[in-house]
Protein backbone atom coordinates (compact mmCIF):
# COMPACT_ATOMS: atom_id res chain seq x y z
CA MET A 1 174.71 109.34 50.83
CA LYS A 2 174.66 112.55 52.85
CA ILE A 3 171.21 113.39 51.45
CA LEU A 4 169.97 109.89 52.43
CA LYS A 5 171.25 110.32 56.00
CA THR A 6 169.57 113.71 56.19
CA LEU A 7 166.28 112.21 55.00
CA ILE A 8 166.52 109.42 57.58
CA VAL A 9 167.15 111.94 60.38
CA VAL A 10 164.20 114.07 59.20
CA CYS A 11 161.92 111.02 59.10
CA LEU A 12 163.02 109.93 62.57
CA LEU A 13 162.46 113.40 63.97
CA SER A 14 159.06 113.54 62.27
CA LEU A 15 158.14 110.13 63.71
CA MET A 16 159.23 111.21 67.17
CA SER A 17 157.24 114.41 66.79
CA CYS A 18 154.11 112.47 65.76
CA LYS A 19 154.48 110.12 68.73
CA ALA A 20 154.95 113.07 71.06
CA GLN A 21 151.92 114.80 69.60
CA LYS A 22 149.81 111.66 69.95
CA LYS A 23 150.97 111.35 73.57
CA ALA A 24 150.14 115.01 74.18
CA ASP A 25 146.73 114.59 72.53
CA LYS A 26 146.06 111.59 74.75
CA ILE A 27 146.99 113.57 77.84
CA THR A 28 144.83 116.56 76.88
CA GLN A 29 141.91 114.47 75.60
CA LYS A 30 138.82 114.97 77.69
CA PRO A 31 137.65 111.83 79.45
CA ASN A 32 134.33 110.17 78.82
CA ILE A 33 132.20 110.22 81.95
CA LEU A 34 129.63 107.56 82.74
CA TRP A 35 127.11 107.52 85.55
CA ILE A 36 125.97 103.98 86.36
CA ILE A 37 122.90 104.67 88.48
CA ALA A 38 121.44 101.72 90.35
CA GLU A 39 117.88 102.43 91.39
CA ASP A 40 116.93 102.08 95.05
CA LEU A 41 120.09 100.26 96.12
CA SER A 42 121.56 100.26 99.62
CA PRO A 43 125.29 99.38 99.82
CA PHE A 44 125.00 95.76 100.96
CA MET A 45 128.28 94.91 99.21
CA GLY A 46 131.59 93.33 100.08
CA CYS A 47 133.51 96.58 99.58
CA TYR A 48 131.23 98.20 102.19
CA GLY A 49 132.06 95.52 104.73
CA ASP A 50 128.82 93.57 104.38
CA SER A 51 129.51 90.06 105.69
CA ILE A 52 126.56 88.40 103.94
CA ASN A 53 127.47 89.63 100.47
CA SER A 54 131.24 89.45 101.00
CA GLY A 55 132.66 87.70 97.94
CA HIS A 56 129.35 87.93 96.08
CA THR A 57 129.74 91.40 94.59
CA PRO A 58 133.19 90.85 92.99
CA ILE A 59 132.81 93.27 90.07
CA ILE A 60 131.67 96.21 92.18
CA ASP A 61 134.31 95.34 94.78
CA LYS A 62 137.01 95.38 92.09
CA LEU A 63 135.68 98.66 90.74
CA ALA A 64 136.18 100.02 94.26
CA SER A 65 139.63 98.51 94.85
CA ASN A 66 140.85 99.96 91.53
CA GLY A 67 139.15 103.30 92.16
CA VAL A 68 138.01 105.54 94.99
CA LEU A 69 135.44 104.20 97.45
CA PHE A 70 133.29 106.66 99.41
CA LYS A 71 131.99 105.08 102.62
CA ARG A 72 129.77 108.02 103.69
CA ALA A 73 127.86 109.13 100.58
CA TYR A 74 124.28 110.34 100.97
CA ALA A 75 121.31 111.05 98.73
CA THR A 76 119.62 114.44 98.96
CA ALA A 77 116.23 112.70 99.26
CA PRO A 78 115.08 109.16 100.00
CA VAL A 79 112.95 109.06 96.84
CA CYS A 80 113.98 108.99 93.20
CA SER A 81 112.51 112.05 91.44
CA ALA A 82 113.53 114.53 94.13
CA ALA A 83 117.04 113.07 94.36
CA ARG A 84 117.40 112.95 90.57
CA SER A 85 116.17 116.52 90.20
CA ALA A 86 118.95 117.64 92.53
CA LEU A 87 121.55 115.43 90.87
CA ILE A 88 120.85 116.59 87.32
CA THR A 89 120.95 120.29 88.27
CA GLY A 90 123.59 120.19 91.00
CA VAL A 91 121.20 122.14 93.22
CA MET A 92 119.31 120.88 96.28
CA GLN A 93 115.74 120.07 95.26
CA THR A 94 114.28 122.15 98.09
CA THR A 95 116.05 125.24 96.75
CA ILE A 96 114.57 125.05 93.25
CA GLY A 97 111.08 123.81 94.15
CA THR A 98 111.47 120.26 92.83
CA GLN A 99 111.14 118.53 96.21
CA ASN A 100 107.66 117.04 95.73
CA HIS A 101 107.74 113.58 94.16
CA ARG A 102 106.26 113.28 90.69
CA SER A 103 105.44 116.92 90.07
CA SER A 104 105.40 118.65 86.68
CA ARG A 105 104.47 115.29 85.12
CA TYR A 106 103.29 114.02 81.79
CA THR A 107 100.17 111.86 82.11
CA ASN A 108 98.54 109.70 79.45
CA GLY A 109 100.96 111.04 76.88
CA GLU A 110 99.64 114.57 77.24
CA ILE A 111 101.79 117.59 77.88
CA VAL A 112 101.44 119.15 81.31
CA PRO A 113 99.40 122.37 81.09
CA GLU A 114 101.49 125.51 81.41
CA ALA A 115 99.97 126.37 84.79
CA LEU A 116 101.30 123.08 86.23
CA ARG A 117 104.81 123.37 84.90
CA ILE A 118 107.64 123.76 87.38
CA LEU A 119 110.44 125.66 85.67
CA LEU A 120 114.04 125.89 86.76
CA PRO A 121 115.09 129.34 88.00
CA ASP A 122 116.70 131.61 85.43
CA GLY A 123 120.37 130.92 84.90
CA ILE A 124 120.29 127.28 85.98
CA LYS A 125 121.31 124.80 83.32
CA THR A 126 121.31 121.05 83.86
CA ILE A 127 124.55 119.07 84.05
CA PRO A 128 124.03 117.53 80.55
CA GLU A 129 123.51 120.99 79.07
CA LEU A 130 126.70 122.29 80.66
CA MET A 131 128.59 119.23 79.41
CA LYS A 132 127.21 119.75 75.90
CA ASP A 133 128.43 123.35 76.02
CA ALA A 134 131.88 121.94 76.84
CA GLY A 135 131.86 119.75 73.72
CA TYR A 136 130.41 116.53 75.12
CA PHE A 137 127.98 114.14 73.44
CA THR A 138 125.27 113.33 76.00
CA PHE A 139 122.76 110.53 76.53
CA ASN A 140 120.64 108.84 79.16
CA SER A 141 119.82 105.15 78.71
CA GLY A 142 116.93 105.05 81.13
CA LYS A 143 114.50 107.23 82.94
CA ASP A 144 114.92 110.92 83.68
CA ASP A 145 112.30 111.33 86.44
CA TYR A 146 112.89 115.06 86.92
CA ASN A 147 110.32 117.22 88.73
CA PHE A 148 110.60 120.19 86.39
CA HIS A 149 109.50 121.00 82.87
CA TYR A 150 112.16 120.68 80.18
CA ASP A 151 112.87 119.89 76.54
CA ARG A 152 114.59 116.53 76.52
CA THR A 153 116.38 117.20 73.24
CA VAL A 154 118.19 120.13 74.88
CA LEU A 155 119.68 117.84 77.53
CA TYR A 156 120.53 114.77 75.48
CA ASP A 157 121.88 114.15 71.97
CA VAL A 158 120.30 110.70 71.88
CA GLY A 159 116.72 110.01 72.84
CA SER A 160 114.27 112.63 71.68
CA ALA A 161 110.75 112.94 73.03
CA ASP A 162 109.65 110.55 70.25
CA ASP A 163 112.02 107.86 71.51
CA TYR A 164 110.76 108.04 75.07
CA LYS A 165 107.53 107.12 76.77
CA ALA A 166 105.89 109.85 78.82
CA GLY A 167 104.03 109.07 82.02
CA MET A 168 103.83 109.24 85.78
CA ASN A 169 107.38 107.91 86.13
CA GLY A 170 108.83 110.61 83.93
CA TRP A 171 110.51 110.03 80.59
CA GLN A 172 111.30 106.32 80.36
CA GLY A 173 113.70 105.39 77.59
CA ASN A 174 113.14 102.67 75.04
CA PHE A 175 116.89 102.06 75.41
CA ALA A 176 116.19 100.70 78.89
CA LYS A 177 113.46 98.17 78.06
CA ASP A 178 115.83 95.20 78.20
CA TYR A 179 118.40 95.92 80.87
CA MET A 180 120.68 93.08 79.77
CA THR A 181 120.84 93.89 76.03
CA VAL A 182 124.27 95.34 75.29
CA ASP A 183 122.94 97.19 72.24
CA ASN A 184 121.17 99.54 74.66
CA TYR A 185 124.43 101.32 75.40
CA VAL A 186 124.51 104.27 73.06
CA TRP A 187 127.97 105.84 73.23
CA ASN A 188 128.63 104.38 69.75
CA SER A 189 125.78 106.42 68.26
CA ARG A 190 127.80 109.64 68.36
CA PRO A 191 128.76 110.63 64.79
CA ASP A 192 132.31 111.65 65.73
CA LYS A 193 134.00 108.83 67.64
CA SER A 194 136.69 111.21 68.86
CA GLN A 195 134.09 113.33 70.67
CA PRO A 196 134.03 112.79 74.45
CA TRP A 197 130.72 111.66 75.87
CA PHE A 198 128.82 112.04 79.12
CA GLY A 199 126.15 109.44 79.67
CA GLN A 200 123.90 107.73 82.16
CA VAL A 201 123.13 104.03 82.19
CA GLN A 202 120.37 103.10 84.60
CA ILE A 203 120.15 99.64 86.14
CA MET A 204 117.20 98.43 88.16
CA GLY A 205 119.12 97.88 91.40
CA GLY A 206 116.83 97.19 94.33
CA LYS A 207 113.75 97.06 92.13
CA LYS A 208 114.49 94.16 89.79
CA ASP A 209 118.16 93.21 89.73
CA ALA A 210 117.62 90.28 92.10
CA LYS A 211 116.61 88.25 89.05
CA TYR A 212 120.16 88.48 87.67
CA VAL A 213 121.86 86.73 90.60
CA ARG A 214 124.49 84.25 89.42
CA ASP A 215 123.55 80.58 89.44
CA GLY A 216 123.83 79.01 92.87
CA GLU A 217 124.28 82.33 94.68
CA LYS A 218 120.71 83.32 95.45
CA LEU A 219 120.00 83.81 99.14
CA ALA A 220 116.96 82.10 100.72
CA ILE A 221 114.56 84.07 102.92
CA ASN A 222 116.02 82.73 106.17
CA ASP A 223 119.63 83.48 105.20
CA VAL A 224 119.48 87.15 106.21
CA PRO A 225 118.56 88.34 109.72
CA LEU A 226 115.95 91.09 109.96
CA PRO A 227 116.58 94.43 111.67
CA PRO A 228 114.59 94.77 114.93
CA TYR A 229 112.28 97.44 113.53
CA PHE A 230 110.62 94.80 111.32
CA PRO A 231 108.41 91.94 112.59
CA ASN A 232 109.90 88.54 111.87
CA ILE A 233 107.32 87.33 109.35
CA PRO A 234 107.71 85.80 105.84
CA SER A 235 106.78 88.91 103.84
CA GLN A 236 109.36 91.02 105.66
CA ARG A 237 112.05 88.34 105.36
CA ILE A 238 111.36 87.99 101.63
CA ALA A 239 111.57 91.75 101.05
CA TRP A 240 114.73 92.15 103.12
CA THR A 241 116.48 89.18 101.50
CA GLU A 242 115.41 90.37 98.07
CA HIS A 243 117.51 93.47 98.56
CA TYR A 244 120.62 91.49 99.38
CA ASN A 245 120.00 89.46 96.23
CA ALA A 246 119.51 92.70 94.29
CA ASN A 247 123.05 93.76 95.22
CA ARG A 248 124.34 90.47 93.83
CA GLY A 249 122.28 90.93 90.68
CA SER A 250 123.44 94.50 90.21
CA ASP A 251 127.00 93.19 90.28
CA VAL A 252 126.15 91.10 87.21
CA ARG A 253 124.61 94.15 85.52
CA VAL A 254 127.72 96.24 86.14
CA LYS A 255 129.87 93.49 84.59
CA HIS A 256 127.82 93.68 81.37
CA ILE A 257 128.33 97.43 81.16
CA LEU A 258 132.08 97.20 81.78
CA ASP A 259 132.42 94.38 79.24
CA LYS A 260 130.62 96.47 76.64
CA LEU A 261 132.81 99.50 77.34
CA LYS A 262 135.91 97.35 76.92
CA ALA A 263 134.66 95.67 73.73
CA ASP A 264 133.91 99.05 72.20
CA GLY A 265 137.33 100.45 73.11
CA GLU A 266 135.78 103.05 75.44
CA LEU A 267 136.84 101.78 78.85
CA GLU A 268 140.40 103.14 78.77
CA ASN A 269 139.27 106.78 78.59
CA THR A 270 136.09 106.56 80.69
CA ILE A 271 135.63 107.73 84.26
CA ILE A 272 132.87 105.75 85.95
CA PHE A 273 130.68 106.96 88.78
CA PHE A 274 128.74 104.06 90.30
CA PHE A 275 126.05 105.07 92.78
CA SER A 276 122.36 104.84 93.68
CA ASP A 277 119.68 107.53 93.83
CA HIS A 278 118.62 106.43 97.36
CA GLY A 279 118.26 103.38 99.58
CA SER A 280 116.25 100.17 99.41
CA ASN A 281 112.86 100.15 97.70
CA SER A 282 111.65 96.81 99.04
CA SER A 283 112.12 97.64 102.71
CA LEU A 284 109.80 99.93 104.64
CA ARG A 285 111.61 102.66 106.60
CA HIS A 286 114.29 102.89 103.92
CA LYS A 287 112.89 104.42 100.72
CA GLN A 288 110.90 107.58 101.50
CA PHE A 289 112.30 107.94 105.01
CA CYS A 290 115.32 109.81 106.31
CA TYR A 291 117.09 107.11 108.30
CA GLU A 292 120.42 105.70 107.12
CA GLY A 293 118.59 103.03 105.13
CA GLY A 294 116.95 105.63 102.91
CA MET A 295 119.80 108.14 102.67
CA HIS A 296 123.06 106.13 102.64
CA VAL A 297 124.11 105.09 99.14
CA PRO A 298 127.12 103.46 97.46
CA LEU A 299 129.53 105.73 95.59
CA ILE A 300 132.59 104.57 93.67
CA VAL A 301 134.64 106.64 91.21
CA ASN A 302 136.90 104.66 88.89
CA GLY A 303 139.06 105.58 85.91
CA LYS A 304 142.42 106.79 84.69
CA HIS A 305 142.72 110.34 85.92
CA PRO A 306 145.56 112.03 87.83
CA VAL A 307 143.31 112.74 90.82
CA LEU A 308 142.00 109.17 91.13
CA LYS A 309 144.23 107.06 93.37
CA ALA A 310 143.46 103.36 93.06
CA GLY A 311 142.47 101.77 96.34
CA ALA A 312 141.68 105.05 98.09
CA ILE A 313 138.94 104.89 100.71
CA ARG A 314 137.23 108.12 101.76
CA HIS A 315 135.30 108.45 105.02
CA ASP A 316 134.32 112.11 104.66
CA LEU A 317 130.65 113.05 104.41
CA VAL A 318 129.62 113.60 100.79
CA SER A 319 126.37 114.28 98.96
CA LEU A 320 125.15 113.19 95.55
CA LEU A 321 125.37 116.90 94.74
CA ASP A 322 129.14 116.43 94.83
CA ILE A 323 128.83 113.99 91.92
CA SER A 324 127.32 116.78 89.82
CA ALA A 325 130.13 119.19 90.69
CA THR A 326 132.89 116.61 90.22
CA THR A 327 131.52 115.58 86.82
CA LEU A 328 131.61 119.18 85.60
CA ALA A 329 135.14 119.66 86.93
CA MET A 330 136.42 116.50 85.25
CA GLY A 331 134.79 117.66 82.01
CA GLY A 332 136.66 120.92 82.17
CA VAL A 333 133.62 123.01 83.06
CA GLU A 334 134.04 125.93 85.41
CA LEU A 335 131.57 125.39 88.24
CA PRO A 336 128.64 127.84 88.03
CA PRO A 337 128.01 129.78 91.26
CA HIS A 338 124.64 128.10 91.86
CA ILE A 339 126.12 124.58 92.13
CA ASP A 340 125.67 123.28 95.68
CA GLY A 341 128.20 120.45 95.59
CA GLN A 342 131.99 120.40 95.56
CA ASP A 343 134.58 118.87 93.26
CA LEU A 344 135.51 115.87 95.40
CA PHE A 345 139.06 115.92 94.07
CA GLY A 346 139.56 119.67 93.73
CA LYS A 347 142.26 121.69 95.47
CA SER A 348 139.65 123.79 97.26
CA TYR A 349 137.64 120.80 98.51
CA ALA A 350 136.70 121.09 102.18
CA ALA A 351 135.20 118.19 104.12
CA GLN A 352 131.67 118.92 105.32
CA LYS A 353 130.63 118.77 108.95
CA PHE A 354 127.00 118.07 108.02
CA VAL A 355 125.02 116.72 105.06
CA ILE A 356 121.35 117.67 104.77
CA GLY A 357 118.55 115.46 103.45
CA ALA A 358 114.87 116.14 102.79
CA ARG A 359 111.65 114.26 102.20
CA ASP A 360 108.44 115.98 101.09
CA ARG A 361 105.29 114.75 99.32
CA CYS A 362 105.83 111.23 97.92
CA ASP A 363 103.21 110.30 95.33
CA TYR A 364 100.02 111.31 97.21
CA THR A 365 101.45 110.98 100.74
CA ILE A 366 102.02 114.44 102.20
CA ASP A 367 104.83 114.68 104.71
CA ARG A 368 107.83 116.83 105.49
CA ILE A 369 110.97 115.44 107.08
CA ARG A 370 114.42 116.99 107.29
CA THR A 371 117.61 115.30 108.40
CA VAL A 372 121.17 116.24 109.29
CA VAL A 373 123.92 113.62 109.35
CA SER A 374 127.29 114.26 110.97
CA LYS A 375 130.32 112.11 111.68
CA ASP A 376 128.66 110.20 114.51
CA PHE A 377 125.00 111.23 114.61
CA ARG A 378 121.82 111.50 112.59
CA TYR A 379 119.24 114.12 113.49
CA ILE A 380 115.68 113.97 112.10
CA LYS A 381 112.97 116.63 112.27
CA ASN A 382 109.37 115.49 111.70
CA TYR A 383 107.03 118.33 110.73
CA PHE A 384 103.88 116.14 110.71
CA PRO A 385 104.45 113.95 113.80
CA ASP A 386 100.73 113.16 114.07
CA ARG A 387 100.90 111.33 110.73
CA PRO A 388 102.19 107.82 111.46
CA MET A 389 104.99 106.12 109.58
CA LEU A 390 102.43 103.84 107.96
CA GLN A 391 100.04 106.54 106.82
CA ALA A 392 98.43 105.86 103.43
CA GLY A 393 101.07 105.31 100.74
CA TYR A 394 101.82 103.69 97.40
CA ARG A 395 102.95 100.39 98.98
CA ASP A 396 99.65 99.76 100.78
CA ASN A 397 98.74 96.82 98.54
CA LYS A 398 102.07 95.07 99.15
CA PRO A 399 102.28 92.13 101.61
CA ILE A 400 104.87 93.95 103.73
CA VAL A 401 102.27 96.63 104.54
CA LYS A 402 99.19 94.41 104.67
CA ASP A 403 100.87 91.98 107.06
CA PHE A 404 102.19 94.84 109.20
CA LYS A 405 98.68 96.25 109.59
CA LYS A 406 97.28 92.79 110.36
CA LEU A 407 99.79 92.31 113.19
CA HIS A 408 98.96 95.81 114.47
CA LYS A 409 95.28 94.96 114.54
CA GLU A 410 95.98 91.69 116.32
CA GLY A 411 98.30 93.33 118.88
CA LYS A 412 101.25 91.17 117.90
CA LEU A 413 103.90 93.82 117.31
CA THR A 414 106.66 94.60 119.81
CA ALA A 415 106.20 97.74 121.87
CA TYR A 416 108.82 99.54 119.78
CA GLN A 417 107.31 98.42 116.44
CA GLU A 418 103.82 99.45 117.54
CA LEU A 419 104.87 102.94 118.60
CA HIS A 420 107.33 103.48 115.75
CA TRP A 421 105.01 102.49 112.91
CA PHE A 422 101.55 103.39 114.21
CA GLY A 423 102.07 105.92 116.99
CA ILE A 424 102.73 109.64 117.06
CA ARG A 425 106.22 110.32 115.81
CA PRO A 426 108.64 112.38 117.88
CA GLU A 427 109.17 115.90 116.59
CA GLU A 428 112.91 115.36 116.85
CA GLU A 429 115.05 112.24 116.65
CA LEU A 430 118.76 111.87 117.37
CA TYR A 431 120.74 108.68 116.94
CA ASP A 432 124.30 107.62 117.70
CA LEU A 433 125.20 105.85 114.46
CA LYS A 434 128.08 103.85 115.92
CA ALA A 435 126.42 102.68 119.12
CA ASP A 436 122.99 102.28 117.53
CA PRO A 437 123.32 101.45 113.81
CA HIS A 438 119.62 100.50 113.54
CA GLN A 439 118.64 103.95 114.90
CA ILE A 440 116.20 102.75 117.53
CA ASN A 441 117.31 104.53 120.68
CA ASN A 442 116.17 108.15 120.26
CA LEU A 443 118.53 110.43 122.21
CA ALA A 444 116.63 113.65 121.52
CA LEU A 445 115.19 113.73 125.06
CA ASN A 446 118.41 112.56 126.69
CA LYS A 447 119.86 115.45 128.71
CA SER A 448 123.40 114.18 128.23
CA HIS A 449 123.02 114.73 124.47
CA LEU A 450 121.39 118.16 124.66
CA LYS A 451 124.40 120.01 123.24
CA ILE A 452 124.70 117.59 120.32
CA LEU A 453 120.96 117.94 119.66
CA GLU A 454 121.16 121.72 119.69
CA THR A 455 124.15 121.72 117.32
CA HIS A 456 122.30 119.62 114.74
CA ARG A 457 119.06 121.54 115.23
CA LYS A 458 120.85 124.83 114.59
CA ALA A 459 122.59 123.41 111.51
CA LEU A 460 119.19 122.56 110.05
CA GLN A 461 117.60 125.89 111.01
CA ASP A 462 120.50 127.82 109.47
CA TRP A 463 120.30 125.77 106.29
CA ILE A 464 116.54 126.27 105.95
CA LYS A 465 116.97 130.03 106.26
CA LYS A 466 120.02 130.24 104.02
CA THR A 467 118.52 128.17 101.19
CA ASP A 468 114.92 129.35 101.65
CA ASP A 469 113.82 125.71 101.85
CA GLN A 470 110.71 125.58 99.64
CA GLY A 471 109.27 122.73 101.67
CA GLN A 472 108.37 125.16 104.44
CA TYR A 473 105.63 126.59 102.19
CA PRO A 474 102.41 124.66 101.41
CA GLU A 475 102.30 123.06 97.99
CA ALA A 476 100.20 125.01 95.50
CA SER A 477 96.57 123.93 95.35
CA ILE A 478 96.79 123.40 91.59
CA GLN A 479 99.65 120.93 92.09
CA LEU A 480 97.76 119.05 94.80
CA LYS A 481 94.70 118.88 92.53
CA ALA A 482 96.84 117.39 89.77
CA THR A 483 98.16 114.78 92.23
CA TYR A 484 94.62 114.02 93.39
CA ASP A 485 93.44 113.57 89.80
CA MET A 486 96.40 111.31 89.05
CA TRP A 487 95.55 108.93 91.89
CA LYS A 488 91.83 109.29 92.62
CA ASN A 489 90.70 106.31 90.56
CA ARG A 490 93.24 103.89 91.98
CA SER A 491 92.00 101.48 94.63
CA ARG A 492 94.87 102.11 97.03
CA PHE A 493 93.91 105.81 97.08
CA LYS A 494 90.11 105.44 97.12
CA ASN A 495 90.15 102.90 99.93
CA ALA A 496 92.65 104.70 102.15
CA LYS A 497 92.44 107.43 104.73
CA VAL A 498 94.49 109.93 102.74
CA ASN A 499 95.74 113.32 103.89
CA PRO A 500 93.11 116.00 104.66
CA GLU A 501 94.68 118.38 102.11
CA TYR A 502 92.78 116.42 99.43
CA ASN A 503 89.33 116.88 100.98
CA GLN A 504 88.78 120.11 99.04
CA PHE A 505 88.80 118.20 95.76
CA LYS A 506 86.44 115.32 96.58
CA ASN A 507 83.27 116.97 95.30
CA GLN A 508 84.84 118.69 92.31
């Protein structure tokens, strides 16, 4: 009997020890980390206080209410490849020479010649590589769109070069062909199901997600008022309304991803970053430009982690570069010294006074714009003021541009619209974001705002010097020639008055 009691005690102690060990393992287990990246999506959502979409983005709103919502998150560039190049390295694109849109590209399935390759500086590894070094399984269900030369198999465990289509838009994954097929989510392809994973799932956001709007919830073109910088015409109303519908459709897409995570038993241990690479694609003055519409993006961090307080709302200025740093920190990676961002939940985190943004060549349109956003103001520096907002660009065949130019020719634009879109741009712009949310009243020449202007101007000048902003140097002729060759046979390029930098190649 005594032996039996002893055995029972031993078994109970062993059981308690196993439970304690399992609990300890659960506590020390590294979290999965998922980036849900919505392309070209401005935060027209209920959780961001948007009255039109209030109640119509319930999944994203719940993700925010159960997680941490960042109200002032900004892209590093208002165009995808530059912003994604910064995000995937954790380094500002202008520091590593990846600021020009669609550079170091694969075309027609051919490898970029060595002379055209933009390589990352020595010592800089991408975020997926650093996560792999820390024991993570990595994947990207969607496009890469990075402006540097790399071996995709080094970054990701799933999706070799053979699985991906090469082209002007960068590596585009076969996993992303049907954005509503749950089998596209590849966390289950890791051989060891106990291995933590770091992955990206791309959704089409402002580009195509409007088609997923729930039945009976689609907005009509007169349901959304236009900002005053657009003429009130059908093509502009359609484009503007489409973006509100895209937010509603993206909400449906996020639900599918969350449902799949839950069904696969992955949701409990997954930290989710939901954000966009930059602002609205369908609206002129947003994508490719440095106003709030192009730079301001949604950012929500959700998951079970000691630093994540459900329902927290942050109003501090943050950059997408902070996502890179925070991901590494949550994965247990010591931040390399070259990382520009901060761990948003780290003990040493310090709120920023300014966040910098940059726009350089986009497709074949050569421009250089820099911007500084602060708590109350946005400062913009135009380095090519003689080149109008509607200089030749990739959207020239779209109704929103054609109709704009028709009204300009007919003299039917407002005085502001005429000057803003077709006139000489001011070298400097300064806007009070609270008093003037549409950023129409330029305060740069207002004497009462001189000190504020000088403070933002100096912040930009100091940053350019400190980081050796590569945009201050002309793009290499060989890169411009490659861009020219990529576009020269397209009607929108041949029939447009393109930048004079391309004249040298016309007879070659």
